[in-house]
Amino acid sequence: MSGGNVGFTAKRPVAPSRPGDEGGFTLIEVVVAGVVMMTVLIPCAMLLSSSAKVLTITQAKIVAANLASGILDEDRAVADAKTWSGTPTAPVVPAPSSTTVNGVAFSVSQATGWCTLSSGAWASYAPAPSTPLAYGILVTVTWMHDAHSVTAGATLTTPTSVVAAGTGNSGGAPTSGTCPL
């Protein structure tokens, strides 16, 4: 048998195309593809939006914490023995001011008061005690119409020139913590 049909493949019949048929997508296929894309893209957009909000709030918290820390550093710097005056004797600390950073308005408030020992721990003391141990400063920074805030505090040890060392201090000063104004 020579001259056989080795390697012969039969061709499939092709369906005749209709005149004007360009082989594109149908309207239903396009709509289904659009719906599938939207079910993926909408949650992604919502995730990006919420991430941007969290980032903005976090950046503002960092700025507020830095503002509060800066104010406390200024208060510590001026609250040396030369600046304690008045009746009762108290440190003269600068009044905080509000500021705007990166378009966000920050409002700064400051509370001050005397602290003394109560069973080895700091305690608030409304009037100045006869033997004050420390003067507490609490700085609060708020922003976005008081919706968010950061609070920082410091306890300034009373200089020995203001209160004689050891008077009324039988328990000794606490080793940690701040005055809870």
C-alpha atoms as a PDB file:
ATOM      1  CA  MET A   1       0.000   0.000   0.000  1.00  0.00           C
ATOM      2  CA  SER A   2       1.993   2.795  -1.125  1.00  0.00           C
ATOM      3  CA  GLY A   3       0.789   6.363  -1.324  1.00  0.00           C
ATOM      4  CA  GLY A   4      -1.315   6.104   1.840  1.00  0.00           C
ATOM      5  CA  ASN A   5      -2.901   9.043   3.627  1.00  0.00           C
ATOM      6  CA  VAL A   6      -0.365   9.340   6.414  1.00  0.00           C
ATOM      7  CA  GLY A   7      -0.720  12.608   8.408  1.00  0.00           C
ATOM      8  CA  PHE A   8      -4.011  13.520   6.841  1.00  0.00           C
ATOM      9  CA  THR A   9      -6.368  15.487   9.074  1.00  0.00           C
ATOM     10  CA  ALA A  10      -9.907  16.304   8.301  1.00  0.00           C
ATOM     11  CA  LYS A  11     -10.986  19.944   8.516  1.00  0.00           C
ATOM     12  CA  ARG A  12     -13.969  20.838  10.587  1.00  0.00           C
ATOM     13  CA  PRO A  13     -16.727  22.610   8.846  1.00  0.00           C
ATOM     14  CA  VAL A  14     -16.956  26.301   9.853  1.00  0.00           C
ATOM     15  CA  ALA A  15     -20.357  27.751  10.510  1.00  0.00           C
ATOM     16  CA  PRO A  16     -21.205  30.297   7.945  1.00  0.00           C
ATOM     17  CA  SER A  17     -21.190  33.822   9.385  1.00  0.00           C
ATOM     18  CA  ARG A  18     -24.091  36.123   9.012  1.00  0.00           C
ATOM     19  CA  PRO A  19     -23.624  39.258   7.054  1.00  0.00           C
ATOM     20  CA  GLY A  20     -22.724  42.174   9.432  1.00  0.00           C
ATOM     21  CA  ASP A  21     -21.674  39.858  12.312  1.00  0.00           C
ATOM     22  CA  GLU A  22     -18.354  41.137  13.675  1.00  0.00           C
ATOM     23  CA  GLY A  23     -17.956  38.552  16.444  1.00  0.00           C
ATOM     24  CA  GLY A  24     -18.078  41.100  19.415  1.00  0.00           C
ATOM     25  CA  PHE A  25     -19.564  40.855  22.906  1.00  0.00           C
ATOM     26  CA  THR A  26     -23.284  40.898  23.483  1.00  0.00           C
ATOM     27  CA  LEU A  27     -24.913  43.558  25.652  1.00  0.00           C
ATOM     28  CA  ILE A  28     -25.556  41.034  28.435  1.00  0.00           C
ATOM     29  CA  GLU A  29     -21.883  40.030  28.518  1.00  0.00           C
ATOM     30  CA  VAL A  30     -20.826  43.659  28.816  1.00  0.00           C
ATOM     31  CA  VAL A  31     -23.317  44.327  31.638  1.00  0.00           C
ATOM     32  CA  VAL A  32     -22.209  41.205  33.542  1.00  0.00           C
ATOM     33  CA  ALA A  33     -18.548  42.202  33.179  1.00  0.00           C
ATOM     34  CA  GLY A  34     -19.383  45.715  34.454  1.00  0.00           C
ATOM     35  CA  VAL A  35     -21.203  44.324  37.502  1.00  0.00           C
ATOM     36  CA  VAL A  36     -18.283  42.019  38.312  1.00  0.00           C
ATOM     37  CA  MET A  37     -15.842  44.923  38.030  1.00  0.00           C
ATOM     38  CA  MET A  38     -17.987  47.116  40.308  1.00  0.00           C
ATOM     39  CA  THR A  39     -18.225  44.413  42.984  1.00  0.00           C
ATOM     40  CA  VAL A  40     -14.426  44.458  43.116  1.00  0.00           C
ATOM     41  CA  LEU A  41     -13.755  48.183  42.649  1.00  0.00           C
ATOM     42  CA  ILE A  42     -16.296  49.618  45.128  1.00  0.00           C
ATOM     43  CA  PRO A  43     -14.877  47.798  48.201  1.00  0.00           C
ATOM     44  CA  CYS A  44     -11.355  48.771  47.104  1.00  0.00           C
ATOM     45  CA  ALA A  45     -12.390  52.429  46.887  1.00  0.00           C
ATOM     46  CA  MET A  46     -14.036  52.240  50.316  1.00  0.00           C
ATOM     47  CA  LEU A  47     -10.877  50.696  51.782  1.00  0.00           C
ATOM     48  CA  LEU A  48      -8.729  53.480  50.329  1.00  0.00           C
ATOM     49  CA  SER A  49     -11.098  56.124  51.662  1.00  0.00           C
ATOM     50  CA  SER A  50     -11.122  54.716  55.202  1.00  0.00           C
ATOM     51  CA  SER A  51      -7.338  54.300  55.115  1.00  0.00           C
ATOM     52  CA  ALA A  52      -6.975  57.964  54.192  1.00  0.00           C
ATOM     53  CA  LYS A  53      -9.202  58.982  57.141  1.00  0.00           C
ATOM     54  CA  VAL A  54      -7.192  56.853  59.570  1.00  0.00           C
ATOM     55  CA  LEU A  55      -3.954  58.303  58.212  1.00  0.00           C
ATOM     56  CA  THR A  56      -5.243  61.864  58.619  1.00  0.00           C
ATOM     57  CA  ILE A  57      -6.330  61.244  62.215  1.00  0.00           C
ATOM     58  CA  THR A  58      -3.039  59.511  63.045  1.00  0.00           C
ATOM     59  CA  GLN A  59      -1.032  62.397  61.606  1.00  0.00           C
ATOM     60  CA  ALA A  60      -3.110  64.856  63.650  1.00  0.00           C
ATOM     61  CA  LYS A  61      -2.542  62.769  66.812  1.00  0.00           C
ATOM     62  CA  ILE A  62       1.202  62.901  66.229  1.00  0.00           C
ATOM     63  CA  VAL A  63       1.087  66.682  65.758  1.00  0.00           C
ATOM     64  CA  ALA A  64      -1.088  67.081  68.887  1.00  0.00           C
ATOM     65  CA  ALA A  65       1.242  64.904  70.967  1.00  0.00           C
ATOM     66  CA  ASN A  66       4.229  66.926  69.763  1.00  0.00           C
ATOM     67  CA  LEU A  67       2.443  70.189  70.601  1.00  0.00           C
ATOM     68  CA  ALA A  68       1.590  68.959  74.107  1.00  0.00           C
ATOM     69  CA  SER A  69       5.114  67.664  74.643  1.00  0.00           C
ATOM     70  CA  GLY A  70       6.595  70.958  73.460  1.00  0.00           C
ATOM     71  CA  ILE A  71       4.389  72.940  75.843  1.00  0.00           C
ATOM     72  CA  LEU A  72       5.369  70.684  78.754  1.00  0.00           C
ATOM     73  CA  ASP A  73       9.045  71.088  77.835  1.00  0.00           C
ATOM     74  CA  GLU A  74       8.627  74.873  77.860  1.00  0.00           C
ATOM     75  CA  ASP A  75       6.870  74.686  81.232  1.00  0.00           C
ATOM     76  CA  ARG A  76       9.660  72.554  82.688  1.00  0.00           C
ATOM     77  CA  ALA A  77      12.277  74.952  81.350  1.00  0.00           C
ATOM     78  CA  VAL A  78      10.715  78.012  83.001  1.00  0.00           C
ATOM     79  CA  ALA A  79       9.663  76.308  86.230  1.00  0.00           C
ATOM     80  CA  ASP A  80      12.999  76.680  87.937  1.00  0.00           C
ATOM     81  CA  ALA A  81      13.514  78.297  91.354  1.00  0.00           C
ATOM     82  CA  LYS A  82      13.596  81.810  89.866  1.00  0.00           C
ATOM     83  CA  THR A  83      10.087  81.615  88.399  1.00  0.00           C
ATOM     84  CA  TRP A  84       8.158  80.369  91.429  1.00  0.00           C
ATOM     85  CA  SER A  85       6.283  83.306  92.909  1.00  0.00           C
ATOM     86  CA  GLY A  86       2.922  84.503  94.182  1.00  0.00           C
ATOM     87  CA  THR A  87       0.698  83.495  97.066  1.00  0.00           C
ATOM     88  CA  PRO A  88       0.545  80.574  97.261  1.00  0.00           C
ATOM     89  CA  THR A  89       3.924  80.107  95.628  1.00  0.00           C
ATOM     90  CA  ALA A  90       3.535  78.515  92.190  1.00  0.00           C
ATOM     91  CA  PRO A  91       5.598  78.294  89.030  1.00  0.00           C
ATOM     92  CA  VAL A  92       4.963  80.929  86.399  1.00  0.00           C
ATOM     93  CA  VAL A  93       4.306  78.905  83.258  1.00  0.00           C
ATOM     94  CA  PRO A  94       3.490  80.448  79.885  1.00  0.00           C
ATOM     95  CA  ALA A  95      -0.112  80.297  78.743  1.00  0.00           C
ATOM     96  CA  PRO A  96      -0.578  77.890  75.841  1.00  0.00           C
ATOM     97  CA  SER A  97      -1.843  79.170  72.525  1.00  0.00           C
ATOM     98  CA  SER A  98      -3.865  77.518  69.799  1.00  0.00           C
ATOM     99  CA  THR A  99      -2.223  76.896  66.456  1.00  0.00           C
ATOM    100  CA  THR A 100      -2.874  75.589  62.948  1.00  0.00           C
ATOM    101  CA  VAL A 101      -0.639  72.894  61.454  1.00  0.00           C
ATOM    102  CA  ASN A 102      -1.111  71.532  57.915  1.00  0.00           C
ATOM    103  CA  GLY A 103      -4.523  73.202  57.717  1.00  0.00           C
ATOM    104  CA  VAL A 104      -5.802  71.583  60.937  1.00  0.00           C
ATOM    105  CA  ALA A 105      -6.680  73.923  63.830  1.00  0.00           C
ATOM    106  CA  PHE A 106      -5.458  72.676  67.219  1.00  0.00           C
ATOM    107  CA  SER A 107      -6.864  74.127  70.434  1.00  0.00           C
ATOM    108  CA  VAL A 108      -4.568  73.947  73.461  1.00  0.00           C
ATOM    109  CA  SER A 109      -5.695  74.142  77.088  1.00  0.00           C
ATOM    110  CA  GLN A 110      -3.688  73.768  80.259  1.00  0.00           C
ATOM    111  CA  ALA A 111      -4.700  72.903  83.813  1.00  0.00           C
ATOM    112  CA  THR A 112      -2.380  73.334  86.760  1.00  0.00           C
ATOM    113  CA  GLY A 113      -2.602  72.415  90.415  1.00  0.00           C
ATOM    114  CA  TRP A 114      -0.774  71.285  93.507  1.00  0.00           C
ATOM    115  CA  CYS A 115       0.005  67.643  94.200  1.00  0.00           C
ATOM    116  CA  THR A 116       0.962  66.074  97.475  1.00  0.00           C
ATOM    117  CA  LEU A 117       1.554  62.590  98.830  1.00  0.00           C
ATOM    118  CA  SER A 118      -1.297  60.399  99.939  1.00  0.00           C
ATOM    119  CA  SER A 119      -0.157  56.961 101.124  1.00  0.00           C
ATOM    120  CA  GLY A 120       2.952  57.097  98.921  1.00  0.00           C
ATOM    121  CA  ALA A 121       1.085  58.093  95.750  1.00  0.00           C
ATOM    122  CA  TRP A 122       0.393  61.423  94.094  1.00  0.00           C
ATOM    123  CA  ALA A 123      -2.918  63.027  94.970  1.00  0.00           C
ATOM    124  CA  SER A 124      -4.553  66.221  93.766  1.00  0.00           C
ATOM    125  CA  TYR A 125      -4.682  68.992  96.297  1.00  0.00           C
ATOM    126  CA  ALA A 126      -7.078  71.809  95.451  1.00  0.00           C
ATOM    127  CA  PRO A 127      -5.688  74.610  97.629  1.00  0.00           C
ATOM    128  CA  ALA A 128      -1.945  74.982  97.892  1.00  0.00           C
ATOM    129  CA  PRO A 129      -0.794  72.718 100.716  1.00  0.00           C
ATOM    130  CA  SER A 130       1.333  74.178 103.474  1.00  0.00           C
ATOM    131  CA  THR A 131       4.151  71.913 102.319  1.00  0.00           C
ATOM    132  CA  PRO A 132       3.622  71.343  98.588  1.00  0.00           C
ATOM    133  CA  LEU A 133       5.599  68.543  97.041  1.00  0.00           C
ATOM    134  CA  ALA A 134       4.915  69.130  93.376  1.00  0.00           C
ATOM    135  CA  TYR A 135       3.023  71.246  90.937  1.00  0.00           C
ATOM    136  CA  GLY A 136       1.129  69.352  88.244  1.00  0.00           C
ATOM    137  CA  ILE A 137       0.555  70.570  84.703  1.00  0.00           C
ATOM    138  CA  LEU A 138      -1.918  68.888  82.378  1.00  0.00           C
ATOM    139  CA  VAL A 139      -1.973  69.940  78.715  1.00  0.00           C
ATOM    140  CA  THR A 140      -4.865  68.948  76.450  1.00  0.00           C
ATOM    141  CA  VAL A 141      -4.738  69.466  72.688  1.00  0.00           C
ATOM    142  CA  THR A 142      -8.023  69.087  70.783  1.00  0.00           C
ATOM    143  CA  TRP A 143      -8.863  69.326  67.080  1.00  0.00           C
ATOM    144  CA  MET A 144     -11.711  68.775  64.622  1.00  0.00           C
ATOM    145  CA  HIS A 145     -14.238  70.677  66.744  1.00  0.00           C
ATOM    146  CA  ASP A 146     -13.175  68.852  69.928  1.00  0.00           C
ATOM    147  CA  ALA A 147     -13.909  65.451  68.366  1.00  0.00           C
ATOM    148  CA  HIS A 148     -10.344  64.262  69.069  1.00  0.00           C
ATOM    149  CA  SER A 149      -7.890  65.063  71.835  1.00  0.00           C
ATOM    150  CA  VAL A 150      -4.479  64.212  73.242  1.00  0.00           C
ATOM    151  CA  THR A 151      -3.590  64.837  76.883  1.00  0.00           C
ATOM    152  CA  ALA A 152      -0.129  64.957  78.413  1.00  0.00           C
ATOM    153  CA  GLY A 153       0.923  65.791  81.945  1.00  0.00           C
ATOM    154  CA  ALA A 154       4.009  66.618  83.929  1.00  0.00           C
ATOM    155  CA  THR A 155       4.783  66.920  87.593  1.00  0.00           C
ATOM    156  CA  LEU A 156       7.201  69.686  88.496  1.00  0.00           C
ATOM    157  CA  THR A 157       9.034  69.040  91.737  1.00  0.00           C
ATOM    158  CA  THR A 158       8.900  72.012  94.062  1.00  0.00           C
ATOM    159  CA  PRO A 159      12.356  73.571  94.423  1.00  0.00           C
ATOM    160  CA  THR A 160      13.950  73.468  97.866  1.00  0.00           C
ATOM    161  CA  SER A 161      14.058  77.273  97.828  1.00  0.00           C
ATOM    162  CA  VAL A 162      10.235  77.248  97.893  1.00  0.00           C
ATOM    163  CA  VAL A 163       9.648  74.496 100.434  1.00  0.00           C
ATOM    164  CA  ALA A 164      12.265  73.420 102.959  1.00  0.00           C
ATOM    165  CA  ALA A 165      13.506  69.934 102.183  1.00  0.00           C
ATOM    166  CA  GLY A 166      11.912  67.228 104.275  1.00  0.00           C
ATOM    167  CA  THR A 167       9.076  69.244 105.850  1.00  0.00           C
ATOM    168  CA  GLY A 168       5.844  67.319 105.623  1.00  0.00           C
ATOM    169  CA  ASN A 169       7.530  64.704 103.409  1.00  0.00           C
ATOM    170  CA  SER A 170       7.634  61.804 105.830  1.00  0.00           C
ATOM    171  CA  GLY A 171       6.622  59.327 103.117  1.00  0.00           C
ATOM    172  CA  GLY A 172       9.103  60.607 100.546  1.00  0.00           C
ATOM    173  CA  ALA A 173       8.244  61.449  96.963  1.00  0.00           C
ATOM    174  CA  PRO A 174       6.897  58.701  94.712  1.00  0.00           C
ATOM    175  CA  THR A 175       9.404  57.279  92.288  1.00  0.00           C
ATOM    176  CA  SER A 176       7.013  57.279  89.336  1.00  0.00           C
ATOM    177  CA  GLY A 177       3.725  58.636  88.120  1.00  0.00           C
ATOM    178  CA  THR A 178       2.366  62.131  87.674  1.00  0.00           C
ATOM    179  CA  CYS A 179       0.027  64.324  89.593  1.00  0.00           C
ATOM    180  CA  PRO A 180      -3.579  63.438  88.681  1.00  0.00           C
ATOM    181  CA  LEU A 181      -5.088  66.899  88.339  1.00  0.00           C
END
